[in-house]
Amino acid sequence: MNEVKTKLPTDTWVTATWEEYLEAIADPVAEKAKGYYHNRQMRLEMLPVGNDHASDHVIIIFAVNLFAMVKGIAINGKDNCTYRKTGIKEAQPDVSYYIGEKAVAIPWGTYIINLDIYPPPALVIEVANTSIADDKGEKRLMYEDLKVKEYWILDVKKVQITPFSITEGGSKRISESQVLPGLSIAILEEALRRSRQMNQAEVGAWLLSQFQQ
């Protein structure tokens, strides 16, 4: 039995075939893990259970949804959803969004979103507490290859968002969302900072006042 089958290493990239990856994520040991497959390597991440990660996860979803509601932008958010290009790539980002005319692109009843059939999400967000280096490195390359339009990395420890716009051939830093026009990254970071001192209802009221300006 090979190393991939016996040890199921987590939080690191391991060389594996697509079949070995599928076997690994089907293992009961990996039941609560997120799976990634890129460039013939797999990565299993145990789902975070800490307060800080969980709280920032909620805040960023709430903020994006609130902005879209106030501005009348059609969106459809996904929490820990699986995206797959069979035999080639797979990702389970913390948060992802279909926006605009593609907000209803994925039909109800879909389990794993097959990117050979459906479009990729417009926005992907990874909430990073201990995985920040990988989120800025290999995962960024993976989302470039998957052709998402925008990728945000939320650094829980630094209370900072690093956003990238993805175009053909690579990604570049931005200060305002391109897929949610008018949404300032600085406003989102300020909301995260306020969440360290205020409850989420108070943060939400502050965000609403900003978005309505």
N, C-alpha and C. Protein backbone atom coordinates (compact mmCIF):
# COMPACT_ATOMS: atom_id res chain seq x y z
N MET A 1 0.85 -1.20 0.00
CA MET A 1 0.00 0.00 0.00
C MET A 1 0.88 1.24 0.00
N ASN A 2 0.58 2.19 -0.87
CA ASN A 2 1.49 3.32 -0.99
C ASN A 2 1.28 4.35 0.09
N GLU A 3 2.19 5.36 0.12
CA GLU A 3 2.19 6.37 1.18
C GLU A 3 0.91 7.19 1.20
N VAL A 4 0.37 7.52 0.02
CA VAL A 4 -0.84 8.33 -0.04
C VAL A 4 -1.98 7.63 0.68
N LYS A 5 -2.07 6.30 0.49
CA LYS A 5 -3.17 5.56 1.09
C LYS A 5 -3.02 5.42 2.60
N THR A 6 -1.81 5.25 3.08
CA THR A 6 -1.62 4.89 4.47
C THR A 6 -1.57 6.07 5.42
N LYS A 7 -1.02 7.19 5.00
CA LYS A 7 -0.79 8.28 5.94
C LYS A 7 -1.77 9.44 5.81
N LEU A 8 -2.34 9.64 4.65
CA LEU A 8 -3.23 10.77 4.40
C LEU A 8 -2.67 12.06 5.01
N PRO A 9 -1.50 12.50 4.58
CA PRO A 9 -0.91 13.72 5.14
C PRO A 9 -1.81 14.92 4.85
N THR A 10 -1.89 15.81 5.82
CA THR A 10 -2.75 16.98 5.67
C THR A 10 -1.93 18.26 5.65
N ASP A 11 -2.55 19.30 5.06
CA ASP A 11 -1.98 20.65 5.03
C ASP A 11 -0.63 20.72 4.32
N THR A 12 -0.44 19.85 3.34
CA THR A 12 0.76 19.90 2.50
C THR A 12 0.41 19.29 1.15
N TRP A 13 1.14 19.68 0.12
CA TRP A 13 0.91 19.13 -1.21
C TRP A 13 1.69 17.83 -1.36
N VAL A 14 1.01 16.80 -1.86
CA VAL A 14 1.60 15.47 -2.01
C VAL A 14 1.38 15.01 -3.44
N THR A 15 2.43 14.53 -4.08
CA THR A 15 2.30 14.00 -5.44
C THR A 15 1.34 12.81 -5.44
N ALA A 16 0.36 12.85 -6.33
CA ALA A 16 -0.64 11.78 -6.36
C ALA A 16 -1.32 11.76 -7.72
N THR A 17 -1.79 10.59 -8.11
CA THR A 17 -2.63 10.50 -9.30
C THR A 17 -4.04 10.96 -8.94
N TRP A 18 -4.84 11.21 -9.96
CA TRP A 18 -6.24 11.59 -9.72
C TRP A 18 -6.98 10.49 -8.96
N GLU A 19 -6.71 9.24 -9.31
CA GLU A 19 -7.37 8.12 -8.64
C GLU A 19 -6.98 8.05 -7.17
N GLU A 20 -5.69 8.31 -6.87
CA GLU A 20 -5.25 8.31 -5.47
C GLU A 20 -5.91 9.45 -4.70
N TYR A 21 -6.07 10.59 -5.37
CA TYR A 21 -6.75 11.71 -4.71
C TYR A 21 -8.19 11.35 -4.37
N LEU A 22 -8.91 10.77 -5.32
CA LEU A 22 -10.31 10.39 -5.08
C LEU A 22 -10.41 9.38 -3.94
N GLU A 23 -9.46 8.46 -3.91
CA GLU A 23 -9.45 7.47 -2.83
C GLU A 23 -9.19 8.14 -1.48
N ALA A 24 -8.28 9.12 -1.48
CA ALA A 24 -7.94 9.79 -0.23
C ALA A 24 -9.12 10.57 0.33
N ILE A 25 -9.82 11.33 -0.54
CA ILE A 25 -10.93 12.13 -0.01
C ILE A 25 -12.14 11.28 0.35
N ALA A 26 -12.18 10.04 -0.14
CA ALA A 26 -13.26 9.13 0.22
C ALA A 26 -12.99 8.41 1.52
N ASP A 27 -11.75 8.49 2.01
CA ASP A 27 -11.38 7.82 3.25
C ASP A 27 -12.12 8.47 4.42
N PRO A 28 -12.68 7.69 5.34
CA PRO A 28 -13.37 8.26 6.50
C PRO A 28 -12.51 9.22 7.32
N VAL A 29 -11.19 9.01 7.30
CA VAL A 29 -10.29 9.91 8.02
C VAL A 29 -10.37 11.32 7.46
N ALA A 30 -10.67 11.42 6.17
CA ALA A 30 -10.71 12.73 5.51
C ALA A 30 -12.13 13.28 5.39
N GLU A 31 -13.04 12.72 6.16
CA GLU A 31 -14.45 13.11 6.04
C GLU A 31 -14.66 14.60 6.27
N LYS A 32 -13.89 15.18 7.19
CA LYS A 32 -14.05 16.59 7.50
C LYS A 32 -12.95 17.45 6.88
N ALA A 33 -12.27 16.92 5.89
CA ALA A 33 -11.19 17.66 5.25
C ALA A 33 -11.66 18.31 3.95
N LYS A 34 -11.01 19.42 3.59
CA LYS A 34 -11.22 20.02 2.27
C LYS A 34 -10.16 19.46 1.33
N GLY A 35 -10.54 19.22 0.08
CA GLY A 35 -9.61 18.63 -0.87
C GLY A 35 -9.26 19.56 -2.01
N TYR A 36 -7.99 19.53 -2.40
CA TYR A 36 -7.50 20.29 -3.55
C TYR A 36 -6.63 19.38 -4.40
N TYR A 37 -6.75 19.54 -5.72
CA TYR A 37 -5.90 18.76 -6.64
C TYR A 37 -5.46 19.68 -7.76
N HIS A 38 -4.13 19.78 -7.96
CA HIS A 38 -3.58 20.71 -8.95
C HIS A 38 -2.19 20.25 -9.34
N ASN A 39 -1.90 20.28 -10.63
CA ASN A 39 -0.58 19.90 -11.12
C ASN A 39 -0.12 18.54 -10.61
N ARG A 40 -1.03 17.60 -10.61
CA ARG A 40 -0.74 16.22 -10.18
C ARG A 40 -0.30 16.15 -8.72
N GLN A 41 -0.78 17.07 -7.94
CA GLN A 41 -0.55 17.03 -6.49
C GLN A 41 -1.88 17.23 -5.77
N MET A 42 -2.00 16.63 -4.60
CA MET A 42 -3.21 16.80 -3.81
C MET A 42 -2.87 17.43 -2.46
N ARG A 43 -3.87 18.09 -1.91
CA ARG A 43 -3.72 18.70 -0.60
C ARG A 43 -5.02 18.49 0.16
N LEU A 44 -4.92 17.97 1.37
CA LEU A 44 -6.07 17.82 2.24
C LEU A 44 -5.92 18.78 3.41
N GLU A 45 -6.95 19.57 3.65
CA GLU A 45 -6.91 20.52 4.77
C GLU A 45 -8.04 20.18 5.74
N MET A 46 -7.70 20.00 7.00
CA MET A 46 -8.72 19.77 7.99
C MET A 46 -9.51 21.06 8.20
N LEU A 47 -10.82 20.96 8.24
CA LEU A 47 -11.65 22.16 8.36
C LEU A 47 -11.34 22.89 9.66
N PRO A 48 -11.12 24.20 9.60
CA PRO A 48 -10.82 24.97 10.81
C PRO A 48 -12.02 24.98 11.76
N VAL A 49 -11.74 24.92 13.05
CA VAL A 49 -12.82 24.96 14.04
C VAL A 49 -12.63 26.11 15.02
N GLY A 50 -11.57 26.91 14.83
CA GLY A 50 -11.28 27.98 15.77
C GLY A 50 -12.23 29.16 15.65
N ASN A 51 -12.37 29.88 16.73
CA ASN A 51 -13.27 31.03 16.79
C ASN A 51 -12.91 32.11 15.76
N ASP A 52 -11.63 32.44 15.65
CA ASP A 52 -11.22 33.55 14.78
C ASP A 52 -11.56 33.27 13.32
N HIS A 53 -11.17 32.10 12.84
CA HIS A 53 -11.45 31.72 11.45
C HIS A 53 -12.96 31.70 11.21
N ALA A 54 -13.70 31.07 12.12
CA ALA A 54 -15.15 30.95 11.95
C ALA A 54 -15.83 32.31 11.93
N SER A 55 -15.39 33.22 12.80
CA SER A 55 -16.01 34.54 12.87
C SER A 55 -15.73 35.36 11.62
N ASP A 56 -14.48 35.36 11.14
CA ASP A 56 -14.15 36.11 9.92
C ASP A 56 -14.86 35.51 8.71
N HIS A 57 -15.03 34.21 8.72
CA HIS A 57 -15.76 33.53 7.65
C HIS A 57 -17.18 34.09 7.55
N VAL A 58 -17.83 34.23 8.70
CA VAL A 58 -19.20 34.76 8.73
C VAL A 58 -19.24 36.22 8.30
N ILE A 59 -18.29 37.02 8.80
CA ILE A 59 -18.28 38.45 8.48
C ILE A 59 -18.11 38.69 6.99
N ILE A 60 -17.20 37.97 6.34
CA ILE A 60 -16.94 38.23 4.92
C ILE A 60 -18.14 37.83 4.07
N ILE A 61 -18.81 36.73 4.42
CA ILE A 61 -20.01 36.33 3.69
C ILE A 61 -21.11 37.38 3.88
N PHE A 62 -21.30 37.80 5.12
CA PHE A 62 -22.33 38.79 5.40
C PHE A 62 -22.06 40.09 4.65
N ALA A 63 -20.81 40.53 4.65
CA ALA A 63 -20.46 41.80 4.00
C ALA A 63 -20.71 41.75 2.51
N VAL A 64 -20.29 40.69 1.85
CA VAL A 64 -20.49 40.57 0.41
C VAL A 64 -21.98 40.50 0.09
N ASN A 65 -22.73 39.70 0.84
CA ASN A 65 -24.16 39.58 0.59
C ASN A 65 -24.87 40.91 0.81
N LEU A 66 -24.50 41.63 1.86
CA LEU A 66 -25.13 42.91 2.16
C LEU A 66 -24.84 43.92 1.05
N PHE A 67 -23.59 43.98 0.60
CA PHE A 67 -23.23 44.91 -0.48
C PHE A 67 -24.06 44.61 -1.73
N ALA A 68 -24.16 43.35 -2.10
CA ALA A 68 -24.92 42.98 -3.29
C ALA A 68 -26.39 43.34 -3.13
N MET A 69 -26.93 43.13 -1.95
CA MET A 69 -28.34 43.46 -1.71
C MET A 69 -28.58 44.96 -1.85
N VAL A 70 -27.71 45.76 -1.23
CA VAL A 70 -27.88 47.21 -1.27
C VAL A 70 -27.73 47.73 -2.70
N LYS A 71 -26.80 47.18 -3.45
CA LYS A 71 -26.51 47.67 -4.80
C LYS A 71 -27.35 46.98 -5.88
N GLY A 72 -28.16 46.01 -5.49
CA GLY A 72 -29.00 45.33 -6.47
C GLY A 72 -28.24 44.44 -7.42
N ILE A 73 -27.19 43.79 -6.94
CA ILE A 73 -26.38 42.90 -7.76
C ILE A 73 -26.81 41.46 -7.53
N ALA A 74 -27.08 40.73 -8.58
CA ALA A 74 -27.47 39.32 -8.46
C ALA A 74 -26.25 38.49 -8.07
N ILE A 75 -26.37 37.72 -7.00
CA ILE A 75 -25.28 36.85 -6.58
C ILE A 75 -25.83 35.52 -6.09
N ASN A 76 -24.98 34.53 -6.04
CA ASN A 76 -25.29 33.25 -5.44
C ASN A 76 -24.02 32.74 -4.79
N GLY A 77 -23.98 32.75 -3.46
CA GLY A 77 -22.79 32.35 -2.73
C GLY A 77 -22.76 30.87 -2.39
N LYS A 78 -21.56 30.34 -2.29
CA LYS A 78 -21.36 28.93 -1.93
C LYS A 78 -20.38 28.85 -0.76
N ASP A 79 -20.70 28.02 0.21
CA ASP A 79 -19.87 27.83 1.40
C ASP A 79 -19.21 26.46 1.32
N ASN A 80 -17.86 26.43 1.19
CA ASN A 80 -17.12 25.17 1.11
C ASN A 80 -17.64 24.25 0.00
N CYS A 81 -17.92 24.81 -1.16
CA CYS A 81 -18.42 24.04 -2.29
C CYS A 81 -17.26 23.41 -3.06
N THR A 82 -17.51 22.26 -3.69
CA THR A 82 -16.49 21.55 -4.44
C THR A 82 -16.61 21.84 -5.93
N TYR A 83 -15.49 22.25 -6.54
CA TYR A 83 -15.41 22.50 -7.99
C TYR A 83 -14.43 21.50 -8.58
N ARG A 84 -14.83 20.87 -9.69
CA ARG A 84 -14.00 19.79 -10.24
C ARG A 84 -13.88 19.87 -11.75
N LYS A 85 -12.64 19.73 -12.24
CA LYS A 85 -12.36 19.40 -13.64
C LYS A 85 -11.82 17.97 -13.60
N THR A 86 -12.65 17.05 -14.01
CA THR A 86 -12.38 15.63 -13.78
C THR A 86 -11.00 15.22 -14.29
N GLY A 87 -10.25 14.60 -13.39
CA GLY A 87 -8.93 14.09 -13.72
C GLY A 87 -7.83 15.12 -13.73
N ILE A 88 -8.20 16.41 -13.53
CA ILE A 88 -7.21 17.48 -13.66
C ILE A 88 -7.09 18.35 -12.42
N LYS A 89 -8.23 18.90 -11.96
CA LYS A 89 -8.18 19.84 -10.84
C LYS A 89 -9.42 19.70 -9.98
N GLU A 90 -9.24 20.04 -8.69
CA GLU A 90 -10.38 20.14 -7.78
C GLU A 90 -10.05 21.15 -6.70
N ALA A 91 -11.07 21.91 -6.28
CA ALA A 91 -10.87 22.91 -5.23
C ALA A 91 -12.12 23.01 -4.38
N GLN A 92 -11.92 23.30 -3.09
CA GLN A 92 -13.01 23.54 -2.16
C GLN A 92 -12.73 24.85 -1.41
N PRO A 93 -12.93 25.98 -2.07
CA PRO A 93 -12.66 27.26 -1.39
C PRO A 93 -13.61 27.49 -0.23
N ASP A 94 -13.17 28.30 0.72
CA ASP A 94 -14.01 28.61 1.87
C ASP A 94 -15.32 29.27 1.43
N VAL A 95 -15.21 30.23 0.51
CA VAL A 95 -16.37 30.97 0.04
C VAL A 95 -16.21 31.19 -1.47
N SER A 96 -17.31 31.14 -2.20
CA SER A 96 -17.26 31.43 -3.63
C SER A 96 -18.60 32.01 -4.07
N TYR A 97 -18.55 32.78 -5.16
CA TYR A 97 -19.76 33.47 -5.62
C TYR A 97 -19.88 33.43 -7.14
N TYR A 98 -21.10 33.14 -7.59
CA TYR A 98 -21.50 33.41 -8.96
C TYR A 98 -22.22 34.75 -8.95
N ILE A 99 -21.92 35.61 -9.92
CA ILE A 99 -22.38 37.00 -9.88
C ILE A 99 -22.99 37.40 -11.22
N GLY A 100 -24.00 38.25 -11.15
CA GLY A 100 -24.61 38.79 -12.36
C GLY A 100 -25.43 37.76 -13.11
N GLU A 101 -25.28 37.71 -14.41
CA GLU A 101 -26.10 36.82 -15.23
C GLU A 101 -25.82 35.35 -14.95
N LYS A 102 -24.70 35.04 -14.33
CA LYS A 102 -24.38 33.65 -14.01
C LYS A 102 -24.74 33.28 -12.57
N ALA A 103 -25.47 34.16 -11.89
CA ALA A 103 -25.84 33.89 -10.49
C ALA A 103 -26.67 32.61 -10.36
N VAL A 104 -27.42 32.27 -11.40
CA VAL A 104 -28.26 31.06 -11.35
C VAL A 104 -27.74 30.00 -12.30
N ALA A 105 -26.43 30.01 -12.54
CA ALA A 105 -25.85 29.07 -13.51
C ALA A 105 -25.85 27.62 -13.01
N ILE A 106 -25.85 27.43 -11.69
CA ILE A 106 -25.75 26.08 -11.14
C ILE A 106 -27.13 25.61 -10.68
N PRO A 107 -27.66 24.56 -11.27
CA PRO A 107 -29.01 24.11 -10.90
C PRO A 107 -29.05 23.45 -9.53
N TRP A 108 -30.21 23.56 -8.88
CA TRP A 108 -30.41 22.86 -7.61
C TRP A 108 -30.29 21.36 -7.84
N GLY A 109 -29.77 20.67 -6.85
CA GLY A 109 -29.56 19.23 -6.97
C GLY A 109 -28.15 18.87 -7.39
N THR A 110 -27.35 19.89 -7.76
CA THR A 110 -25.96 19.64 -8.14
C THR A 110 -25.14 19.38 -6.88
N TYR A 111 -24.35 18.34 -6.87
CA TYR A 111 -23.51 18.01 -5.72
C TYR A 111 -22.13 18.62 -5.90
N ILE A 112 -21.31 18.01 -6.71
CA ILE A 112 -20.01 18.59 -7.08
C ILE A 112 -20.20 19.38 -8.37
N ILE A 113 -19.71 20.62 -8.40
CA ILE A 113 -19.87 21.46 -9.59
C ILE A 113 -18.81 21.06 -10.62
N ASN A 114 -19.26 20.49 -11.70
CA ASN A 114 -18.38 19.99 -12.76
C ASN A 114 -18.02 21.15 -13.68
N LEU A 115 -16.77 21.58 -13.65
CA LEU A 115 -16.33 22.72 -14.46
C LEU A 115 -16.12 22.35 -15.93
N ASP A 116 -16.32 21.10 -16.26
CA ASP A 116 -16.37 20.71 -17.67
C ASP A 116 -17.75 21.05 -18.26
N ILE A 117 -18.71 21.29 -17.38
CA ILE A 117 -20.08 21.58 -17.81
C ILE A 117 -20.47 23.02 -17.46
N TYR A 118 -20.14 23.44 -16.23
CA TYR A 118 -20.58 24.74 -15.72
C TYR A 118 -19.41 25.72 -15.66
N PRO A 119 -19.70 27.02 -15.66
CA PRO A 119 -18.63 28.02 -15.55
C PRO A 119 -18.05 28.05 -14.15
N PRO A 120 -16.82 28.55 -13.99
CA PRO A 120 -16.24 28.71 -12.65
C PRO A 120 -16.91 29.89 -11.95
N PRO A 121 -16.80 29.97 -10.63
CA PRO A 121 -17.35 31.12 -9.93
C PRO A 121 -16.58 32.39 -10.28
N ALA A 122 -17.23 33.54 -10.14
CA ALA A 122 -16.56 34.80 -10.42
C ALA A 122 -15.59 35.19 -9.31
N LEU A 123 -15.96 34.88 -8.07
CA LEU A 123 -15.17 35.28 -6.91
C LEU A 123 -14.92 34.09 -6.00
N VAL A 124 -13.67 33.92 -5.61
CA VAL A 124 -13.29 32.88 -4.65
C VAL A 124 -12.59 33.56 -3.48
N ILE A 125 -12.93 33.14 -2.26
CA ILE A 125 -12.32 33.70 -1.05
C ILE A 125 -11.78 32.55 -0.20
N GLU A 126 -10.52 32.63 0.17
CA GLU A 126 -9.94 31.70 1.14
C GLU A 126 -9.68 32.45 2.44
N VAL A 127 -10.21 31.92 3.53
CA VAL A 127 -10.00 32.50 4.86
C VAL A 127 -8.82 31.76 5.48
N ALA A 128 -7.71 32.46 5.66
CA ALA A 128 -6.45 31.80 6.04
C ALA A 128 -6.03 32.15 7.45
N ASN A 129 -5.86 31.13 8.27
CA ASN A 129 -5.30 31.33 9.60
C ASN A 129 -3.88 30.78 9.66
N THR A 130 -3.73 29.53 9.20
CA THR A 130 -2.40 28.90 9.20
C THR A 130 -1.92 28.57 7.78
N SER A 131 -2.78 28.78 6.77
CA SER A 131 -2.43 28.34 5.41
C SER A 131 -2.10 29.51 4.49
N ILE A 132 -1.73 30.66 5.06
CA ILE A 132 -1.58 31.88 4.26
C ILE A 132 -0.55 31.72 3.14
N ALA A 133 0.58 31.08 3.40
CA ALA A 133 1.62 30.94 2.38
C ALA A 133 1.10 30.15 1.20
N ASP A 134 0.39 29.08 1.46
CA ASP A 134 -0.14 28.28 0.37
C ASP A 134 -1.23 29.03 -0.38
N ASP A 135 -2.07 29.77 0.34
CA ASP A 135 -3.15 30.53 -0.31
C ASP A 135 -2.58 31.57 -1.27
N LYS A 136 -1.44 32.16 -0.92
CA LYS A 136 -0.82 33.15 -1.79
C LYS A 136 0.01 32.51 -2.90
N GLY A 137 0.33 31.23 -2.73
CA GLY A 137 1.20 30.56 -3.69
C GLY A 137 0.47 29.60 -4.60
N GLU A 138 0.50 28.32 -4.25
CA GLU A 138 -0.03 27.29 -5.14
C GLU A 138 -1.53 27.46 -5.42
N LYS A 139 -2.29 27.84 -4.40
CA LYS A 139 -3.73 27.99 -4.63
C LYS A 139 -4.02 29.15 -5.58
N ARG A 140 -3.23 30.21 -5.50
CA ARG A 140 -3.44 31.32 -6.43
C ARG A 140 -3.22 30.85 -7.86
N LEU A 141 -2.17 30.06 -8.09
CA LEU A 141 -1.92 29.51 -9.42
C LEU A 141 -3.08 28.61 -9.86
N MET A 142 -3.59 27.85 -8.91
CA MET A 142 -4.70 26.94 -9.22
C MET A 142 -5.94 27.72 -9.66
N TYR A 143 -6.27 28.81 -8.93
CA TYR A 143 -7.45 29.59 -9.30
C TYR A 143 -7.24 30.37 -10.59
N GLU A 144 -5.99 30.74 -10.88
CA GLU A 144 -5.70 31.31 -12.19
C GLU A 144 -6.03 30.30 -13.28
N ASP A 145 -5.60 29.05 -13.08
CA ASP A 145 -5.85 27.99 -14.07
C ASP A 145 -7.34 27.69 -14.20
N LEU A 146 -8.07 27.81 -13.09
CA LEU A 146 -9.51 27.55 -13.13
C LEU A 146 -10.30 28.71 -13.73
N LYS A 147 -9.59 29.84 -13.95
CA LYS A 147 -10.17 31.01 -14.61
C LYS A 147 -11.30 31.66 -13.83
N VAL A 148 -11.17 31.66 -12.48
CA VAL A 148 -12.07 32.52 -11.72
C VAL A 148 -11.66 33.96 -12.02
N LYS A 149 -12.56 34.90 -11.81
CA LYS A 149 -12.26 36.28 -12.17
C LYS A 149 -11.56 37.05 -11.04
N GLU A 150 -11.84 36.64 -9.80
CA GLU A 150 -11.26 37.38 -8.67
C GLU A 150 -11.00 36.42 -7.51
N TYR A 151 -9.91 36.65 -6.81
CA TYR A 151 -9.50 35.77 -5.70
C TYR A 151 -9.05 36.63 -4.54
N TRP A 152 -9.69 36.44 -3.38
CA TRP A 152 -9.33 37.17 -2.17
C TRP A 152 -8.75 36.21 -1.15
N ILE A 153 -7.70 36.66 -0.46
CA ILE A 153 -7.13 35.90 0.65
C ILE A 153 -7.33 36.72 1.92
N LEU A 154 -8.10 36.19 2.85
CA LEU A 154 -8.36 36.88 4.11
C LEU A 154 -7.42 36.32 5.17
N ASP A 155 -6.47 37.13 5.60
CA ASP A 155 -5.49 36.74 6.61
C ASP A 155 -6.08 37.05 7.99
N VAL A 156 -6.49 36.00 8.71
CA VAL A 156 -7.16 36.17 10.01
C VAL A 156 -6.23 36.83 11.02
N LYS A 157 -4.97 36.44 11.03
CA LYS A 157 -4.04 36.96 12.04
C LYS A 157 -3.72 38.43 11.82
N LYS A 158 -3.54 38.82 10.57
CA LYS A 158 -3.19 40.21 10.27
C LYS A 158 -4.42 41.09 10.05
N VAL A 159 -5.60 40.48 10.03
CA VAL A 159 -6.85 41.20 9.75
C VAL A 159 -6.67 41.98 8.44
N GLN A 160 -6.35 41.25 7.41
CA GLN A 160 -5.99 41.86 6.13
C GLN A 160 -6.52 41.01 4.98
N ILE A 161 -6.97 41.69 3.93
CA ILE A 161 -7.43 41.00 2.73
C ILE A 161 -6.48 41.31 1.59
N THR A 162 -5.99 40.28 0.92
CA THR A 162 -5.16 40.46 -0.27
C THR A 162 -5.98 40.01 -1.47
N PRO A 163 -6.47 40.96 -2.28
CA PRO A 163 -7.33 40.61 -3.40
C PRO A 163 -6.59 40.64 -4.73
N PHE A 164 -6.94 39.70 -5.60
CA PHE A 164 -6.34 39.63 -6.93
C PHE A 164 -7.43 39.59 -7.99
N SER A 165 -7.22 40.34 -9.06
CA SER A 165 -8.03 40.20 -10.26
C SER A 165 -7.28 39.25 -11.19
N ILE A 166 -7.99 38.26 -11.72
CA ILE A 166 -7.36 37.24 -12.55
C ILE A 166 -7.74 37.46 -14.01
N THR A 167 -6.72 37.59 -14.84
CA THR A 167 -6.91 37.73 -16.28
C THR A 167 -6.08 36.67 -16.98
N GLU A 168 -6.17 36.61 -18.28
CA GLU A 168 -5.39 35.62 -19.02
C GLU A 168 -3.90 35.78 -18.70
N GLY A 169 -3.31 34.70 -18.24
CA GLY A 169 -1.87 34.72 -18.01
C GLY A 169 -1.44 35.06 -16.60
N GLY A 170 -2.37 35.41 -15.71
CA GLY A 170 -1.94 35.69 -14.35
C GLY A 170 -2.92 36.52 -13.55
N SER A 171 -2.43 37.06 -12.42
CA SER A 171 -3.28 37.82 -11.52
C SER A 171 -2.54 39.07 -11.06
N LYS A 172 -3.32 40.08 -10.67
CA LYS A 172 -2.73 41.32 -10.19
C LYS A 172 -3.50 41.84 -8.99
N ARG A 173 -2.79 42.54 -8.11
CA ARG A 173 -3.40 43.10 -6.91
C ARG A 173 -4.37 44.21 -7.28
N ILE A 174 -5.46 44.29 -6.52
CA ILE A 174 -6.45 45.35 -6.70
C ILE A 174 -6.82 45.93 -5.35
N SER A 175 -7.42 47.11 -5.34
CA SER A 175 -7.88 47.72 -4.09
C SER A 175 -9.40 47.82 -4.04
N GLU A 176 -10.04 47.58 -5.19
CA GLU A 176 -11.51 47.59 -5.28
C GLU A 176 -11.93 46.42 -6.14
N SER A 177 -13.00 45.76 -5.73
CA SER A 177 -13.46 44.60 -6.47
C SER A 177 -13.85 44.98 -7.89
N GLN A 178 -13.49 44.12 -8.83
CA GLN A 178 -13.88 44.31 -10.22
C GLN A 178 -15.18 43.59 -10.54
N VAL A 179 -15.47 42.53 -9.80
CA VAL A 179 -16.69 41.76 -10.05
C VAL A 179 -17.87 42.30 -9.23
N LEU A 180 -17.57 43.08 -8.20
CA LEU A 180 -18.58 43.78 -7.40
C LEU A 180 -18.21 45.26 -7.41
N PRO A 181 -18.46 45.94 -8.52
CA PRO A 181 -17.98 47.32 -8.69
C PRO A 181 -18.42 48.25 -7.57
N GLY A 182 -17.45 49.00 -7.05
CA GLY A 182 -17.71 49.93 -5.96
C GLY A 182 -17.42 49.37 -4.59
N LEU A 183 -17.13 48.08 -4.48
CA LEU A 183 -16.83 47.48 -3.19
C LEU A 183 -15.35 47.66 -2.86
N SER A 184 -15.08 48.52 -1.89
CA SER A 184 -13.71 48.81 -1.48
C SER A 184 -13.20 47.74 -0.53
N ILE A 185 -12.02 47.22 -0.79
CA ILE A 185 -11.41 46.22 0.09
C ILE A 185 -11.11 46.85 1.46
N ALA A 186 -10.78 48.14 1.48
CA ALA A 186 -10.49 48.82 2.74
C ALA A 186 -11.70 48.81 3.67
N ILE A 187 -12.90 48.93 3.11
CA ILE A 187 -14.13 48.89 3.92
C ILE A 187 -14.29 47.52 4.56
N LEU A 188 -14.00 46.48 3.80
CA LEU A 188 -14.10 45.13 4.33
C LEU A 188 -13.09 44.90 5.45
N GLU A 189 -11.87 45.39 5.27
CA GLU A 189 -10.86 45.24 6.31
C GLU A 189 -11.24 46.00 7.57
N GLU A 190 -11.83 47.17 7.40
CA GLU A 190 -12.27 47.94 8.57
C GLU A 190 -13.39 47.19 9.30
N ALA A 191 -14.27 46.56 8.55
CA ALA A 191 -15.33 45.76 9.18
C ALA A 191 -14.73 44.61 9.99
N LEU A 192 -13.71 43.97 9.46
CA LEU A 192 -13.05 42.88 10.18
C LEU A 192 -12.39 43.40 11.45
N ARG A 193 -11.75 44.57 11.37
CA ARG A 193 -11.13 45.15 12.57
C ARG A 193 -12.18 45.49 13.61
N ARG A 194 -13.29 46.06 13.17
CA ARG A 194 -14.36 46.41 14.11
C ARG A 194 -14.96 45.18 14.78
N SER A 195 -14.93 44.05 14.05
CA SER A 195 -15.51 42.83 14.62
C SER A 195 -14.71 42.33 15.82
N ARG A 196 -13.48 42.83 15.98
CA ARG A 196 -12.68 42.44 17.15
C ARG A 196 -13.16 43.16 18.42
N GLN A 197 -13.91 44.25 18.24
CA GLN A 197 -14.35 45.05 19.38
C GLN A 197 -15.88 45.14 19.49
N MET A 198 -16.59 44.79 18.40
CA MET A 198 -18.03 44.96 18.35
C MET A 198 -18.69 43.62 18.01
N ASN A 199 -19.98 43.49 18.37
CA ASN A 199 -20.67 42.27 17.94
C ASN A 199 -21.06 42.39 16.47
N GLN A 200 -21.46 41.29 15.88
CA GLN A 200 -21.68 41.26 14.44
C GLN A 200 -22.86 42.11 13.98
N ALA A 201 -23.85 42.27 14.83
CA ALA A 201 -24.97 43.15 14.48
C ALA A 201 -24.50 44.59 14.36
N GLU A 202 -23.62 45.00 15.26
CA GLU A 202 -23.07 46.36 15.19
C GLU A 202 -22.20 46.55 13.95
N VAL A 203 -21.41 45.53 13.65
CA VAL A 203 -20.59 45.59 12.43
C VAL A 203 -21.48 45.67 11.20
N GLY A 204 -22.55 44.91 11.20
CA GLY A 204 -23.47 44.93 10.08
C GLY A 204 -24.13 46.29 9.90
N ALA A 205 -24.51 46.93 11.00
CA ALA A 205 -25.11 48.26 10.92
C ALA A 205 -24.11 49.27 10.36
N TRP A 206 -22.85 49.15 10.77
CA TRP A 206 -21.82 50.05 10.25
C TRP A 206 -21.61 49.82 8.75
N LEU A 207 -21.55 48.55 8.33
CA LEU A 207 -21.40 48.25 6.92
C LEU A 207 -22.55 48.80 6.10
N LEU A 208 -23.76 48.64 6.60
CA LEU A 208 -24.93 49.15 5.90
C LEU A 208 -24.83 50.65 5.67
N SER A 209 -24.38 51.37 6.71
CA SER A 209 -24.24 52.82 6.58
C SER A 209 -23.20 53.19 5.51
N GLN A 210 -22.14 52.37 5.40
CA GLN A 210 -21.11 52.63 4.40
C GLN A 210 -21.61 52.33 2.99
N PHE A 211 -22.32 51.22 2.85
CA PHE A 211 -22.78 50.80 1.52
C PHE A 211 -23.90 51.68 0.98
N GLN A 212 -24.62 52.34 1.86
CA GLN A 212 -25.72 53.19 1.43
C GLN A 212 -25.27 54.59 1.03
N GLN A 213 -24.01 54.89 1.24
CA GLN A 213 -23.50 56.22 0.89
C GLN A 213 -23.40 56.38 -0.62
